[in-house]
Structure formats: C-alpha cells, structure tokens
Amino acid sequence: MDKAREFLNLSNEESESVSSIKFHPHRQWIERSFYEDFSIRGIQVDRIEPGFISTTFKVPPRLTDRNGKLATGAIANLVDEGGALVAQAEGVSSSCLRGYVHLFSFHCKR
C-alpha cells in the first residue's frame, strides 16, 4: 500500500501544474459533455414509433472488449441513454420505464 501511495503522490511542481488547470462548468443542454461525446457519439436513429425506436451504431474501437465486440458496459450505457431519451421525448415522469434490447452483432475480420 505504501508503494502505491508513494507512486500517486505528486511533486510540488506537478501539484502546482495540476492546480493551475482551469475547468469551466459544463453548460447543460447547450454543449455535449465529455461523457456524451465519448459514449454515444455516432448513434443514428433510424425509426421511431410509439413504444419503439430503432438505431444503428458503428462500434468504435474505444467501446470494444478484448475480442473486438461491443463491451457489455457500453451496451448497458447505450440502453440507459436510450431510455433517458425516450423518457424525455414522451414526458415520462419518475415512473418505471421498461426496455427490451435486441442486439445484432456483426464481427468483421480486419
């Protein structure tokens, strides 16, 4: 544990450098967050009907597992984001939202 703590400690110069970084608050609904840009950029809505949404998404390497498939965490994230969008679009309040996922994975050799 001491080795890990020692490794994570910053020198005075590193600490001053980090302290001088300025972060501007995220402007919600005006600009995308880092999270949105990283996780859901590239998703395309193909069709929307009451109670149904169909999307396509070319999986970028950053969201793949060691086998080159869409990582399970990324799948859960996409489902969560999709549910949030549906809830906002239909004006659903804090009630339960039920979702079903049909995932088709096509693995191409590189």
C-alpha atoms as a PDB file:
ATOM      1  CA  MET A   1       0.000   0.000   0.000  1.00  0.00           C
ATOM      2  CA  ASP A   2       2.848   2.374   0.771  1.00  0.00           C
ATOM      3  CA  LYS A   3       4.350   1.853  -2.684  1.00  0.00           C
ATOM      4  CA  ALA A   4       1.031   2.722  -4.312  1.00  0.00           C
ATOM      5  CA  ARG A   5       0.640   5.822  -2.135  1.00  0.00           C
ATOM      6  CA  GLU A   6       4.200   6.907  -2.936  1.00  0.00           C
ATOM      7  CA  PHE A   7       3.595   6.375  -6.657  1.00  0.00           C
ATOM      8  CA  LEU A   8       0.429   8.504  -6.572  1.00  0.00           C
ATOM      9  CA  ASN A   9       1.949  11.419  -4.649  1.00  0.00           C
ATOM     10  CA  LEU A  10       2.675  14.462  -6.783  1.00  0.00           C
ATOM     11  CA  SER A  11       5.838  16.518  -6.631  1.00  0.00           C
ATOM     12  CA  ASN A  12       5.455  20.231  -5.801  1.00  0.00           C
ATOM     13  CA  GLU A  13       5.919  21.094  -9.476  1.00  0.00           C
ATOM     14  CA  GLU A  14       3.288  18.538 -10.564  1.00  0.00           C
ATOM     15  CA  SER A  15       0.892  19.731  -7.882  1.00  0.00           C
ATOM     16  CA  GLU A  16       1.241  23.376  -8.963  1.00  0.00           C
ATOM     17  CA  SER A  17       0.758  22.402 -12.595  1.00  0.00           C
ATOM     18  CA  VAL A  18      -2.446  20.500 -11.810  1.00  0.00           C
ATOM     19  CA  SER A  19      -3.727  23.299  -9.559  1.00  0.00           C
ATOM     20  CA  SER A  20      -3.358  25.846 -12.360  1.00  0.00           C
ATOM     21  CA  ILE A  21      -5.725  23.980 -14.712  1.00  0.00           C
ATOM     22  CA  LYS A  22      -8.958  25.907 -15.167  1.00  0.00           C
ATOM     23  CA  PHE A  23     -12.173  23.963 -15.602  1.00  0.00           C
ATOM     24  CA  HIS A  24     -15.206  25.746 -16.933  1.00  0.00           C
ATOM     25  CA  PRO A  25     -18.589  24.454 -15.804  1.00  0.00           C
ATOM     26  CA  HIS A  26     -20.442  22.308 -18.302  1.00  0.00           C
ATOM     27  CA  ARG A  27     -23.393  24.150 -19.876  1.00  0.00           C
ATOM     28  CA  GLN A  28     -26.105  21.509 -19.830  1.00  0.00           C
ATOM     29  CA  TRP A  29     -28.383  21.367 -22.905  1.00  0.00           C
ATOM     30  CA  ILE A  30     -26.073  23.808 -24.721  1.00  0.00           C
ATOM     31  CA  GLU A  31     -22.987  21.688 -25.268  1.00  0.00           C
ATOM     32  CA  ARG A  32     -22.218  17.985 -25.134  1.00  0.00           C
ATOM     33  CA  SER A  33     -20.431  16.637 -22.118  1.00  0.00           C
ATOM     34  CA  PHE A  34     -17.255  14.596 -22.345  1.00  0.00           C
ATOM     35  CA  TYR A  35     -19.306  11.572 -21.320  1.00  0.00           C
ATOM     36  CA  GLU A  36     -21.881  12.023 -24.085  1.00  0.00           C
ATOM     37  CA  ASP A  37     -19.220  12.638 -26.691  1.00  0.00           C
ATOM     38  CA  PHE A  38     -17.232   9.587 -25.617  1.00  0.00           C
ATOM     39  CA  SER A  39     -20.057   7.105 -25.178  1.00  0.00           C
ATOM     40  CA  ILE A  40     -22.892   7.860 -27.601  1.00  0.00           C
ATOM     41  CA  ARG A  41     -21.336   9.873 -30.407  1.00  0.00           C
ATOM     42  CA  GLY A  42     -22.220   8.249 -33.722  1.00  0.00           C
ATOM     43  CA  ILE A  43     -25.528   6.658 -32.767  1.00  0.00           C
ATOM     44  CA  GLN A  44     -28.091   7.123 -35.531  1.00  0.00           C
ATOM     45  CA  VAL A  45     -31.858   6.970 -35.092  1.00  0.00           C
ATOM     46  CA  ASP A  46     -33.397   5.035 -37.976  1.00  0.00           C
ATOM     47  CA  ARG A  47     -37.043   4.833 -36.992  1.00  0.00           C
ATOM     48  CA  ILE A  48     -39.272   5.998 -34.154  1.00  0.00           C
ATOM     49  CA  GLU A  49     -42.811   4.856 -33.441  1.00  0.00           C
ATOM     50  CA  PRO A  50     -44.844   4.973 -30.237  1.00  0.00           C
ATOM     51  CA  GLY A  51     -43.133   2.485 -27.925  1.00  0.00           C
ATOM     52  CA  PHE A  52     -40.364   1.658 -30.424  1.00  0.00           C
ATOM     53  CA  ILE A  53     -37.035   3.087 -31.502  1.00  0.00           C
ATOM     54  CA  SER A  54     -34.558   1.576 -33.960  1.00  0.00           C
ATOM     55  CA  THR A  55     -30.970   2.788 -34.105  1.00  0.00           C
ATOM     56  CA  THR A  56     -27.711   1.849 -35.757  1.00  0.00           C
ATOM     57  CA  PHE A  57     -24.288   2.383 -34.326  1.00  0.00           C
ATOM     58  CA  LYS A  58     -20.887   1.598 -35.801  1.00  0.00           C
ATOM     59  CA  VAL A  59     -18.887   0.438 -32.811  1.00  0.00           C
ATOM     60  CA  PRO A  60     -15.694   2.478 -32.383  1.00  0.00           C
ATOM     61  CA  PRO A  61     -12.589   0.704 -31.021  1.00  0.00           C
ATOM     62  CA  ARG A  62     -12.829   2.608 -27.721  1.00  0.00           C
ATOM     63  CA  LEU A  63     -16.050   0.734 -26.856  1.00  0.00           C
ATOM     64  CA  THR A  64     -14.901  -2.798 -27.693  1.00  0.00           C
ATOM     65  CA  ASP A  65     -13.772  -5.616 -25.452  1.00  0.00           C
ATOM     66  CA  ARG A  66     -10.629  -7.693 -25.974  1.00  0.00           C
ATOM     67  CA  ASN A  67     -12.443  -9.801 -28.599  1.00  0.00           C
ATOM     68  CA  GLY A  68     -13.386  -6.762 -30.681  1.00  0.00           C
ATOM     69  CA  LYS A  69     -17.074  -6.919 -29.728  1.00  0.00           C
ATOM     70  CA  LEU A  70     -19.159  -4.152 -28.187  1.00  0.00           C
ATOM     71  CA  ALA A  71     -18.273  -4.203 -24.485  1.00  0.00           C
ATOM     72  CA  THR A  72     -21.036  -5.162 -22.069  1.00  0.00           C
ATOM     73  CA  GLY A  73     -20.617  -1.895 -20.182  1.00  0.00           C
ATOM     74  CA  ALA A  74     -21.081   0.016 -23.424  1.00  0.00           C
ATOM     75  CA  ILE A  75     -24.267  -1.955 -24.155  1.00  0.00           C
ATOM     76  CA  ALA A  76     -25.657  -1.100 -20.723  1.00  0.00           C
ATOM     77  CA  ASN A  77     -24.713   2.544 -21.232  1.00  0.00           C
ATOM     78  CA  LEU A  78     -26.399   2.745 -24.643  1.00  0.00           C
ATOM     79  CA  VAL A  79     -29.571   1.181 -23.221  1.00  0.00           C
ATOM     80  CA  ASP A  80     -29.520   3.645 -20.325  1.00  0.00           C
ATOM     81  CA  GLU A  81     -29.016   6.650 -22.600  1.00  0.00           C
ATOM     82  CA  GLY A  82     -31.718   5.428 -24.983  1.00  0.00           C
ATOM     83  CA  GLY A  83     -34.157   5.031 -22.111  1.00  0.00           C
ATOM     84  CA  ALA A  84     -33.400   8.535 -20.911  1.00  0.00           C
ATOM     85  CA  LEU A  85     -34.068   9.937 -24.376  1.00  0.00           C
ATOM     86  CA  VAL A  86     -37.364   8.072 -24.644  1.00  0.00           C
ATOM     87  CA  ALA A  87     -38.409   9.300 -21.208  1.00  0.00           C
ATOM     88  CA  GLN A  88     -37.639  12.897 -22.154  1.00  0.00           C
ATOM     89  CA  ALA A  89     -39.353  12.626 -25.516  1.00  0.00           C
ATOM     90  CA  GLU A  90     -42.567  11.204 -24.098  1.00  0.00           C
ATOM     91  CA  GLY A  91     -42.612  13.305 -20.943  1.00  0.00           C
ATOM     92  CA  VAL A  92     -42.389  10.309 -18.617  1.00  0.00           C
ATOM     93  CA  SER A  93     -42.050  11.371 -15.003  1.00  0.00           C
ATOM     94  CA  SER A  94     -40.320   9.353 -12.313  1.00  0.00           C
ATOM     95  CA  SER A  95     -42.172   6.151 -13.098  1.00  0.00           C
ATOM     96  CA  CYS A  96     -40.810   2.840 -14.301  1.00  0.00           C
ATOM     97  CA  LEU A  97     -39.551   2.526 -17.846  1.00  0.00           C
ATOM     98  CA  ARG A  98     -39.315  -0.966 -19.317  1.00  0.00           C
ATOM     99  CA  GLY A  99     -36.960  -1.636 -22.186  1.00  0.00           C
ATOM    100  CA  TYR A 100     -36.088  -4.560 -24.399  1.00  0.00           C
ATOM    101  CA  VAL A 101     -32.832  -4.819 -26.267  1.00  0.00           C
ATOM    102  CA  HIS A 102     -32.320  -6.740 -29.482  1.00  0.00           C
ATOM    103  CA  LEU A 103     -28.632  -6.649 -30.305  1.00  0.00           C
ATOM    104  CA  PHE A 104     -27.275  -7.817 -33.605  1.00  0.00           C
ATOM    105  CA  SER A 105     -23.506  -8.057 -33.636  1.00  0.00           C
ATOM    106  CA  PHE A 106     -21.626  -8.450 -36.879  1.00  0.00           C
ATOM    107  CA  HIS A 107     -17.942  -9.142 -36.436  1.00  0.00           C
ATOM    108  CA  CYS A 108     -15.796  -8.380 -39.454  1.00  0.00           C
ATOM    109  CA  LYS A 109     -12.235  -9.561 -39.847  1.00  0.00           C
ATOM    110  CA  ARG A 110      -9.798  -6.706 -40.053  1.00  0.00           C
END
